[in-house]
Full PDB file with SEQRES, HELIX, SHEET, SSBOND, CRYST1, ORIGX, SCALE, CONECT and MASTER records, all heavy atoms in Angstrom:
SEQRES   1 A   34  PRO ALA ILE ARG SER GLN LEU ALA ASP GLN LEU VAL ASP          
SEQRES   2 A   34  LYS PRO LEU TYR ALA LEU THR ARG LEU CYS TRP GLN HIS          
SEQRES   3 A   34  GLY VAL PRO ILE LEU PRO LEU SER                              
HELIX    1 AA1 ALA A    2  LEU A    7  1                                   6    
HELIX    2 AA2 GLN A   10  ASP A   13  1                                   4    
HELIX    3 AA3 PRO A   15  GLN A   25  1                                  11    
CRYST1    1.000    1.000    1.000  90.00  90.00  90.00 P 1           1          
ORIGX1      1.000000  0.000000  0.000000        0.00000                         
ORIGX2      0.000000  1.000000  0.000000        0.00000                         
ORIGX3      0.000000  0.000000  1.000000        0.00000                         
SCALE1      1.000000  0.000000  0.000000        0.00000                         
SCALE2      0.000000  1.000000  0.000000        0.00000                         
SCALE3      0.000000  0.000000  1.000000        0.00000                         
ATOM      1  N   PRO A   1      93.662  69.899 114.310  1.00  0.00           N  
ATOM      2  CA  PRO A   1      92.330  69.687 114.901  1.00  0.00           C  
ATOM      3  C   PRO A   1      91.882  70.864 115.752  1.00  0.00           C  
ATOM      4  O   PRO A   1      90.690  71.229 115.740  1.00  0.00           O  
ATOM      5  CB  PRO A   1      92.509  68.421 115.745  1.00  0.00           C  
ATOM      6  CG  PRO A   1      93.667  67.711 115.140  1.00  0.00           C  
ATOM      7  CD  PRO A   1      94.585  68.792 114.674  1.00  0.00           C  
ATOM      8  N   ALA A   2      92.814  71.467 116.496  1.00  0.00           N  
ATOM      9  CA  ALA A   2      92.458  72.601 117.351  1.00  0.00           C  
ATOM     10  C   ALA A   2      92.037  73.810 116.522  1.00  0.00           C  
ATOM     11  O   ALA A   2      91.094  74.533 116.886  1.00  0.00           O  
ATOM     12  CB  ALA A   2      93.622  72.953 118.269  1.00  0.00           C  
ATOM     13  N   ILE A   3      92.740  74.057 115.404  1.00  0.00           N  
ATOM     14  CA  ILE A   3      92.355  75.177 114.538  1.00  0.00           C  
ATOM     15  C   ILE A   3      90.971  74.953 113.964  1.00  0.00           C  
ATOM     16  O   ILE A   3      90.125  75.852 113.963  1.00  0.00           O  
ATOM     17  CB  ILE A   3      93.391  75.371 113.404  1.00  0.00           C  
ATOM     18  CG1 ILE A   3      94.747  75.788 113.967  1.00  0.00           C  
ATOM     19  CG2 ILE A   3      92.895  76.450 112.428  1.00  0.00           C  
ATOM     20  CD1 ILE A   3      95.828  75.912 112.905  1.00  0.00           C  
ATOM     21  N   ARG A   4      90.716  73.736 113.471  1.00  0.00           N  
ATOM     22  CA  ARG A   4      89.404  73.443 112.899  1.00  0.00           C  
ATOM     23  C   ARG A   4      88.295  73.581 113.948  1.00  0.00           C  
ATOM     24  O   ARG A   4      87.218  74.102 113.668  1.00  0.00           O  
ATOM     25  CB  ARG A   4      89.381  72.028 112.300  1.00  0.00           C  
ATOM     26  CG  ARG A   4      90.150  71.917 110.986  1.00  0.00           C  
ATOM     27  CD  ARG A   4      89.870  70.586 110.293  1.00  0.00           C  
ATOM     28  NE  ARG A   4      88.453  70.417 110.009  1.00  0.00           N  
ATOM     29  CZ  ARG A   4      87.831  70.911 108.932  1.00  0.00           C  
ATOM     30  NH1 ARG A   4      88.520  71.621 108.043  1.00  0.00           N  
ATOM     31  NH2 ARG A   4      86.563  70.697 108.761  1.00  0.00           N  
ATOM     32  N   SER A   5      88.579  73.150 115.169  1.00  0.00           N  
ATOM     33  CA  SER A   5      87.586  73.256 116.239  1.00  0.00           C  
ATOM     34  C   SER A   5      87.347  74.702 116.628  1.00  0.00           C  
ATOM     35  O   SER A   5      86.200  75.122 116.847  1.00  0.00           O  
ATOM     36  CB  SER A   5      88.053  72.448 117.459  1.00  0.00           C  
ATOM     37  OG  SER A   5      87.171  72.619 118.543  1.00  0.00           O  
ATOM     38  N   GLN A   6      88.433  75.478 116.690  1.00  0.00           N  
ATOM     39  CA  GLN A   6      88.314  76.869 117.126  1.00  0.00           C  
ATOM     40  C   GLN A   6      87.620  77.737 116.089  1.00  0.00           C  
ATOM     41  O   GLN A   6      86.799  78.581 116.412  1.00  0.00           O  
ATOM     42  CB  GLN A   6      89.705  77.430 117.431  1.00  0.00           C  
ATOM     43  CG  GLN A   6      89.709  78.874 117.912  1.00  0.00           C  
ATOM     44  CD  GLN A   6      91.112  79.348 118.272  1.00  0.00           C  
ATOM     45  OE1 GLN A   6      92.007  78.552 118.517  1.00  0.00           O  
ATOM     46  NE2 GLN A   6      91.307  80.655 118.299  1.00  0.00           N  
ATOM     47  N   LEU A   7      87.927  77.524 114.807  1.00  0.00           N  
ATOM     48  CA  LEU A   7      87.373  78.386 113.752  1.00  0.00           C  
ATOM     49  C   LEU A   7      86.060  77.847 113.178  1.00  0.00           C  
ATOM     50  O   LEU A   7      85.240  78.628 112.694  1.00  0.00           O  
ATOM     51  CB  LEU A   7      88.407  78.559 112.634  1.00  0.00           C  
ATOM     52  CG  LEU A   7      89.723  79.217 113.058  1.00  0.00           C  
ATOM     53  CD1 LEU A   7      90.630  79.393 111.846  1.00  0.00           C  
ATOM     54  CD2 LEU A   7      89.489  80.561 113.735  1.00  0.00           C  
ATOM     55  N   ALA A   8      85.878  76.549 113.227  1.00  0.00           N  
ATOM     56  CA  ALA A   8      84.611  75.920 112.828  1.00  0.00           C  
ATOM     57  C   ALA A   8      84.077  76.461 111.500  1.00  0.00           C  
ATOM     58  O   ALA A   8      84.759  76.408 110.492  1.00  0.00           O  
ATOM     59  CB  ALA A   8      83.581  76.091 113.949  1.00  0.00           C  
ATOM     60  N   ASP A   9      82.853  77.007 111.530  1.00  0.00           N  
ATOM     61  CA  ASP A   9      82.196  77.453 110.293  1.00  0.00           C  
ATOM     62  C   ASP A   9      82.915  78.607 109.613  1.00  0.00           C  
ATOM     63  O   ASP A   9      82.706  78.862 108.424  1.00  0.00           O  
ATOM     64  CB  ASP A   9      80.762  77.867 110.599  1.00  0.00           C  
ATOM     65  CG  ASP A   9      79.874  76.681 110.954  1.00  0.00           C  
ATOM     66  OD1 ASP A   9      80.281  75.542 110.651  1.00  0.00           O  
ATOM     67  OD2 ASP A   9      78.800  76.903 111.545  1.00  0.00           O  
ATOM     68  N   GLN A  10      83.764  79.326 110.354  1.00  0.00           N  
ATOM     69  CA  GLN A  10      84.502  80.435 109.734  1.00  0.00           C  
ATOM     70  C   GLN A  10      85.417  79.940 108.628  1.00  0.00           C  
ATOM     71  O   GLN A  10      85.700  80.669 107.674  1.00  0.00           O  
ATOM     72  CB  GLN A  10      85.328  81.175 110.788  1.00  0.00           C  
ATOM     73  CG  GLN A  10      84.517  81.869 111.860  1.00  0.00           C  
ATOM     74  CD  GLN A  10      85.417  82.584 112.854  1.00  0.00           C  
ATOM     75  OE1 GLN A  10      86.126  83.520 112.498  1.00  0.00           O  
ATOM     76  NE2 GLN A  10      85.395  82.130 114.096  1.00  0.00           N  
ATOM     77  N   LEU A  11      85.900  78.700 108.756  1.00  0.00           N  
ATOM     78  CA  LEU A  11      86.762  78.142 107.722  1.00  0.00           C  
ATOM     79  C   LEU A  11      86.000  77.902 106.429  1.00  0.00           C  
ATOM     80  O   LEU A  11      86.592  77.777 105.359  1.00  0.00           O  
ATOM     81  CB  LEU A  11      87.384  76.828 108.197  1.00  0.00           C  
ATOM     82  CG  LEU A  11      88.520  76.958 109.221  1.00  0.00           C  
ATOM     83  CD1 LEU A  11      88.968  75.599 109.692  1.00  0.00           C  
ATOM     84  CD2 LEU A  11      89.684  77.739 108.621  1.00  0.00           C  
ATOM     85  N   VAL A  12      84.675  77.831 106.515  1.00  0.00           N  
ATOM     86  CA  VAL A  12      83.846  77.663 105.324  1.00  0.00           C  
ATOM     87  C   VAL A  12      83.418  79.021 104.780  1.00  0.00           C  
ATOM     88  O   VAL A  12      83.492  79.277 103.580  1.00  0.00           O  
ATOM     89  CB  VAL A  12      82.598  76.812 105.641  1.00  0.00           C  
ATOM     90  CG1 VAL A  12      81.694  76.716 104.398  1.00  0.00           C  
ATOM     91  CG2 VAL A  12      83.004  75.427 106.112  1.00  0.00           C  
ATOM     92  N   ASP A  13      82.999  79.902 105.691  1.00  0.00           N  
ATOM     93  CA  ASP A  13      82.447  81.192 105.260  1.00  0.00           C  
ATOM     94  C   ASP A  13      83.526  82.208 104.881  1.00  0.00           C  
ATOM     95  O   ASP A  13      83.453  82.833 103.821  1.00  0.00           O  
ATOM     96  CB  ASP A  13      81.573  81.774 106.381  1.00  0.00           C  
ATOM     97  CG  ASP A  13      80.400  80.876 106.722  1.00  0.00           C  
ATOM     98  OD1 ASP A  13      79.958  80.146 105.819  1.00  0.00           O  
ATOM     99  OD2 ASP A  13      79.951  80.897 107.880  1.00  0.00           O  
ATOM    100  N   LYS A  14      84.552  82.367 105.750  1.00  0.00           N  
ATOM    101  CA  LYS A  14      85.605  83.364 105.514  1.00  0.00           C  
ATOM    102  C   LYS A  14      86.949  82.793 105.947  1.00  0.00           C  
ATOM    103  O   LYS A  14      87.528  83.224 106.948  1.00  0.00           O  
ATOM    104  CB  LYS A  14      85.305  84.657 106.282  1.00  0.00           C  
ATOM    105  CG  LYS A  14      84.109  85.427 105.756  1.00  0.00           C  
ATOM    106  CD  LYS A  14      84.003  86.791 106.438  1.00  0.00           C  
ATOM    107  CE  LYS A  14      82.900  87.628 105.821  1.00  0.00           C  
ATOM    108  NZ  LYS A  14      82.819  88.980 106.452  1.00  0.00           N  
ATOM    109  N   PRO A  15      87.469  81.835 105.207  1.00  0.00           N  
ATOM    110  CA  PRO A  15      88.695  81.165 105.649  1.00  0.00           C  
ATOM    111  C   PRO A  15      89.905  82.093 105.745  1.00  0.00           C  
ATOM    112  O   PRO A  15      90.690  81.984 106.686  1.00  0.00           O  
ATOM    113  CB  PRO A  15      88.912  80.074 104.600  1.00  0.00           C  
ATOM    114  CG  PRO A  15      88.129  80.528 103.398  1.00  0.00           C  
ATOM    115  CD  PRO A  15      86.958  81.263 103.952  1.00  0.00           C  
ATOM    116  N   LEU A  16      90.068  82.997 104.778  1.00  0.00           N  
ATOM    117  CA  LEU A  16      91.230  83.894 104.823  1.00  0.00           C  
ATOM    118  C   LEU A  16      91.143  84.825 106.023  1.00  0.00           C  
ATOM    119  O   LEU A  16      92.118  85.015 106.762  1.00  0.00           O  
ATOM    120  CB  LEU A  16      91.329  84.715 103.528  1.00  0.00           C  
ATOM    121  CG  LEU A  16      92.478  85.725 103.507  1.00  0.00           C  
ATOM    122  CD1 LEU A  16      93.828  85.022 103.629  1.00  0.00           C  
ATOM    123  CD2 LEU A  16      92.427  86.584 102.237  1.00  0.00           C  
ATOM    124  N   TYR A  17      89.980  85.424 106.214  1.00  0.00           N  
ATOM    125  CA  TYR A  17      89.766  86.326 107.348  1.00  0.00           C  
ATOM    126  C   TYR A  17      90.027  85.594 108.664  1.00  0.00           C  
ATOM    127  O   TYR A  17      90.741  86.099 109.542  1.00  0.00           O  
ATOM    128  CB  TYR A  17      88.332  86.851 107.303  1.00  0.00           C  
ATOM    129  CG  TYR A  17      87.950  87.775 108.431  1.00  0.00           C  
ATOM    130  CD1 TYR A  17      88.112  89.148 108.318  1.00  0.00           C  
ATOM    131  CD2 TYR A  17      87.425  87.265 109.620  1.00  0.00           C  
ATOM    132  CE1 TYR A  17      87.773  89.998 109.361  1.00  0.00           C  
ATOM    133  CE2 TYR A  17      87.069  88.101 110.671  1.00  0.00           C  
ATOM    134  CZ  TYR A  17      87.239  89.469 110.524  1.00  0.00           C  
ATOM    135  OH  TYR A  17      86.907  90.296 111.569  1.00  0.00           O  
ATOM    136  N   ALA A  18      89.475  84.401 108.805  1.00  0.00           N  
ATOM    137  CA  ALA A  18      89.596  83.656 110.056  1.00  0.00           C  
ATOM    138  C   ALA A  18      91.036  83.243 110.334  1.00  0.00           C  
ATOM    139  O   ALA A  18      91.542  83.387 111.457  1.00  0.00           O  
ATOM    140  CB  ALA A  18      88.698  82.422 110.004  1.00  0.00           C  
ATOM    141  N   LEU A  19      91.746  82.726 109.327  1.00  0.00           N  
ATOM    142  CA  LEU A  19      93.121  82.280 109.517  1.00  0.00           C  
ATOM    143  C   LEU A  19      94.069  83.442 109.775  1.00  0.00           C  
ATOM    144  O   LEU A  19      94.982  83.339 110.600  1.00  0.00           O  
ATOM    145  CB  LEU A  19      93.596  81.501 108.288  1.00  0.00           C  
ATOM    146  CG  LEU A  19      93.265  80.009 108.233  1.00  0.00           C  
ATOM    147  CD1 LEU A  19      93.785  79.399 106.940  1.00  0.00           C  
ATOM    148  CD2 LEU A  19      93.858  79.287 109.433  1.00  0.00           C  
ATOM    149  N   THR A  20      93.860  84.548 109.045  1.00  0.00           N  
ATOM    150  CA  THR A  20      94.720  85.721 109.246  1.00  0.00           C  
ATOM    151  C   THR A  20      94.593  86.252 110.662  1.00  0.00           C  
ATOM    152  O   THR A  20      95.596  86.540 111.336  1.00  0.00           O  
ATOM    153  CB  THR A  20      94.361  86.829 108.232  1.00  0.00           C  
ATOM    154  OG1 THR A  20      94.501  86.329 106.901  1.00  0.00           O  
ATOM    155  CG2 THR A  20      95.270  88.038 108.402  1.00  0.00           C  
ATOM    156  N   ARG A  21      93.373  86.377 111.129  1.00  0.00           N  
ATOM    157  CA  ARG A  21      93.156  86.885 112.487  1.00  0.00           C  
ATOM    158  C   ARG A  21      93.715  85.915 113.534  1.00  0.00           C  
ATOM    159  O   ARG A  21      94.287  86.338 114.531  1.00  0.00           O  
ATOM    160  CB  ARG A  21      91.668  87.138 112.721  1.00  0.00           C  
ATOM    161  CG  ARG A  21      91.373  87.880 114.021  1.00  0.00           C  
ATOM    162  CD  ARG A  21      89.936  88.340 114.080  1.00  0.00           C  
ATOM    163  NE  ARG A  21      89.667  89.384 113.099  1.00  0.00           N  
ATOM    164  CZ  ARG A  21      90.001  90.658 113.268  1.00  0.00           C  
ATOM    165  NH1 ARG A  21      90.640  91.039 114.362  1.00  0.00           N  
ATOM    166  NH2 ARG A  21      89.696  91.549 112.354  1.00  0.00           N  
ATOM    167  N   LEU A  22      93.558  84.615 113.305  1.00  0.00           N  
ATOM    168  CA  LEU A  22      94.103  83.628 114.237  1.00  0.00           C  
ATOM    169  C   LEU A  22      95.618  83.784 114.366  1.00  0.00           C  
ATOM    170  O   LEU A  22      96.174  83.739 115.475  1.00  0.00           O  
ATOM    171  CB  LEU A  22      93.766  82.217 113.763  1.00  0.00           C  
ATOM    172  CG  LEU A  22      94.383  81.078 114.594  1.00  0.00           C  
ATOM    173  CD1 LEU A  22      93.673  80.959 115.942  1.00  0.00           C  
ATOM    174  CD2 LEU A  22      94.323  79.760 113.825  1.00  0.00           C  
ATOM    175  N   CYS A  23      96.286  83.978 113.232  1.00  0.00           N  
ATOM    176  CA  CYS A  23      97.747  84.134 113.266  1.00  0.00           C  
ATOM    177  C   CYS A  23      98.144  85.371 114.060  1.00  0.00           C  
ATOM    178  O   CYS A  23      99.030  85.307 114.933  1.00  0.00           O  
ATOM    179  CB  CYS A  23      98.287  84.224 111.837  1.00  0.00           C  
ATOM    180  SG  CYS A  23      98.260  82.654 110.937  1.00  0.00           S  
ATOM    181  N   TRP A  24      97.504  86.483 113.782  1.00  0.00           N  
ATOM    182  CA  TRP A  24      97.841  87.711 114.505  1.00  0.00           C  
ATOM    183  C   TRP A  24      97.553  87.565 115.993  1.00  0.00           C  
ATOM    184  O   TRP A  24      98.310  88.077 116.838  1.00  0.00           O  
ATOM    185  CB  TRP A  24      97.058  88.892 113.921  1.00  0.00           C  
ATOM    186  CG  TRP A  24      97.680  89.491 112.706  1.00  0.00           C  
ATOM    187  CD1 TRP A  24      97.238  89.388 111.422  1.00  0.00           C  
ATOM    188  CD2 TRP A  24      98.856  90.306 112.657  1.00  0.00           C  
ATOM    189  NE1 TRP A  24      98.065  90.084 110.569  1.00  0.00           N  
ATOM    190  CE2 TRP A  24      99.061  90.662 111.302  1.00  0.00           C  
ATOM    191  CE3 TRP A  24      99.751  90.768 113.610  1.00  0.00           C  
ATOM    192  CZ2 TRP A  24     100.130  91.451 110.885  1.00  0.00           C  
ATOM    193  CZ3 TRP A  24     100.822  91.566 113.200  1.00  0.00           C  
ATOM    194  CH2 TRP A  24     101.003  91.897 111.860  1.00  0.00           C  
ATOM    195  N   GLN A  25      96.488  86.884 116.349  1.00  0.00           N  
ATOM    196  CA  GLN A  25      96.156  86.703 117.766  1.00  0.00           C  
ATOM    197  C   GLN A  25      97.203  85.860 118.495  1.00  0.00           C  
ATOM    198  O   GLN A  25      97.321  85.935 119.720  1.00  0.00           O  
ATOM    199  CB  GLN A  25      94.771  86.056 117.896  1.00  0.00           C  
ATOM    200  CG  GLN A  25      93.629  86.983 117.531  1.00  0.00           C  
ATOM    201  CD  GLN A  25      92.294  86.269 117.444  1.00  0.00           C  
ATOM    202  OE1 GLN A  25      92.232  85.030 117.410  1.00  0.00           O  
ATOM    203  NE2 GLN A  25      91.211  87.034 117.401  1.00  0.00           N  
ATOM    204  N   HIS A  26      97.971  85.090 117.742  1.00  0.00           N  
ATOM    205  CA  HIS A  26      99.063  84.306 118.319  1.00  0.00           C  
ATOM    206  C   HIS A  26     100.415  84.997 118.108  1.00  0.00           C  
ATOM    207  O   HIS A  26     101.466  84.375 118.323  1.00  0.00           O  
ATOM    208  CB  HIS A  26      99.088  82.894 117.720  1.00  0.00           C  
ATOM    209  CG  HIS A  26      98.050  81.988 118.294  1.00  0.00           C  
ATOM    210  ND1 HIS A  26      96.708  82.072 117.957  1.00  0.00           N  
ATOM    211  CD2 HIS A  26      98.123  80.983 119.200  1.00  0.00           C  
ATOM    212  CE1 HIS A  26      96.021  81.164 118.623  1.00  0.00           C  
ATOM    213  NE2 HIS A  26      96.858  80.483 119.392  1.00  0.00           N  
ATOM    214  N   GLY A  27     100.385  86.251 117.680  1.00  0.00           N  
ATOM    215  CA  GLY A  27     101.632  86.980 117.499  1.00  0.00           C  
ATOM    216  C   GLY A  27     102.432  86.545 116.291  1.00  0.00           C  
ATOM    217  O   GLY A  27     103.654  86.695 116.262  1.00  0.00           O  
ATOM    218  N   VAL A  28     101.748  85.992 115.278  1.00  0.00           N  
ATOM    219  CA  VAL A  28     102.400  85.590 114.027  1.00  0.00           C  
ATOM    220  C   VAL A  28     101.997  86.587 112.945  1.00  0.00           C  
ATOM    221  O   VAL A  28     100.871  86.537 112.434  1.00  0.00           O  
ATOM    222  CB  VAL A  28     101.986  84.161 113.609  1.00  0.00           C  
ATOM    223  CG1 VAL A  28     102.638  83.787 112.275  1.00  0.00           C  
ATOM    224  CG2 VAL A  28     102.365  83.162 114.692  1.00  0.00           C  
ATOM    225  N   PRO A  29     102.861  87.540 112.596  1.00  0.00           N  
ATOM    226  CA  PRO A  29     102.492  88.571 111.613  1.00  0.00           C  
ATOM    227  C   PRO A  29     102.264  87.998 110.222  1.00  0.00           C  
ATOM    228  O   PRO A  29     102.965  87.070 109.792  1.00  0.00           O  
ATOM    229  CB  PRO A  29     103.715  89.506 111.622  1.00  0.00           C  
ATOM    230  CG  PRO A  29     104.400  89.248 112.927  1.00  0.00           C  
ATOM    231  CD  PRO A  29     104.178  87.786 113.192  1.00  0.00           C  
ATOM    232  N   ILE A  30     101.270  88.559 109.544  1.00  0.00           N  
ATOM    233  CA  ILE A  30     100.980  88.214 108.148  1.00  0.00           C  
ATOM    234  C   ILE A  30     101.281  89.435 107.306  1.00  0.00           C  
ATOM    235  O   ILE A  30     100.641  90.484 107.464  1.00  0.00           O  
ATOM    236  CB  ILE A  30      99.515  87.786 107.958  1.00  0.00           C  
ATOM    237  CG1 ILE A  30      99.153  86.636 108.907  1.00  0.00           C  
ATOM    238  CG2 ILE A  30      99.271  87.381 106.503  1.00  0.00           C  
ATOM    239  CD1 ILE A  30      99.969  85.392 108.705  1.00  0.00           C  
ATOM    240  N   LEU A  31     102.244  89.322 106.413  1.00  0.00           N  
ATOM    241  CA  LEU A  31     102.693  90.422 105.571  1.00  0.00           C  
ATOM    242  C   LEU A  31     102.058  90.312 104.194  1.00  0.00           C  
ATOM    243  O   LEU A  31     102.439  89.453 103.404  1.00  0.00           O  
ATOM    244  CB  LEU A  31     104.228  90.389 105.471  1.00  0.00           C  
ATOM    245  CG  LEU A  31     104.886  91.343 104.479  1.00  0.00           C  
ATOM    246  CD1 LEU A  31     104.674  92.796 104.900  1.00  0.00           C  
ATOM    247  CD2 LEU A  31     106.388  91.030 104.363  1.00  0.00           C  
ATOM    248  N   PRO A  32     101.086  91.184 103.857  1.00  0.00           N  
ATOM    249  CA  PRO A  32     100.492  91.158 102.513  1.00  0.00           C  
ATOM    250  C   PRO A  32     101.290  92.033 101.550  1.00  0.00           C  
ATOM    251  O   PRO A  32     101.547  93.208 101.838  1.00  0.00           O  
ATOM    252  CB  PRO A  32      99.091  91.739 102.752  1.00  0.00           C  
ATOM    253  CG  PRO A  32      99.267  92.680 103.919  1.00  0.00           C  
ATOM    254  CD  PRO A  32     100.415  92.158 104.741  1.00  0.00           C  
ATOM    255  N   LEU A  33     101.682  91.480 100.434  1.00  0.00           N  
ATOM    256  CA  LEU A  33     102.496  92.201  99.458  1.00  0.00           C  
ATOM    257  C   LEU A  33     101.755  92.295  98.126  1.00  0.00           C  
ATOM    258  O   LEU A  33     100.965  91.408  97.792  1.00  0.00           O  
ATOM    259  CB  LEU A  33     103.838  91.482  99.261  1.00  0.00           C  
ATOM    260  CG  LEU A  33     104.714  91.373 100.511  1.00  0.00           C  
ATOM    261  CD1 LEU A  33     105.843  90.376 100.298  1.00  0.00           C  
ATOM    262  CD2 LEU A  33     105.263  92.745 100.894  1.00  0.00           C  
ATOM    263  N   SER A  34     102.034  93.356  97.386  1.00  0.00           N  
ATOM    264  CA  SER A  34     101.316  93.556  96.123  1.00  0.00           C  
ATOM    265  C   SER A  34     102.248  93.706  94.932  1.00  0.00           C  
ATOM    266  O   SER A  34     101.811  94.053  93.844  1.00  0.00           O  
ATOM    267  CB  SER A  34     100.413  94.789  96.223  1.00  0.00           C  
ATOM    268  OG  SER A  34     101.175  95.961  96.481  1.00  0.00           O  
TER     269      SER A  34                                                      
MASTER        0    0    0    3    0    0    0    6  268    1    0    3          
END                                                                             
């Protein structure tokens, strides 16, 4: 509920961008691999 409240419309418009940034802001690294 807190994530949905904090990100709100971003979860509709840019969910990947919003979630990735949220993780990094909490010190949770996101490792993109190709």
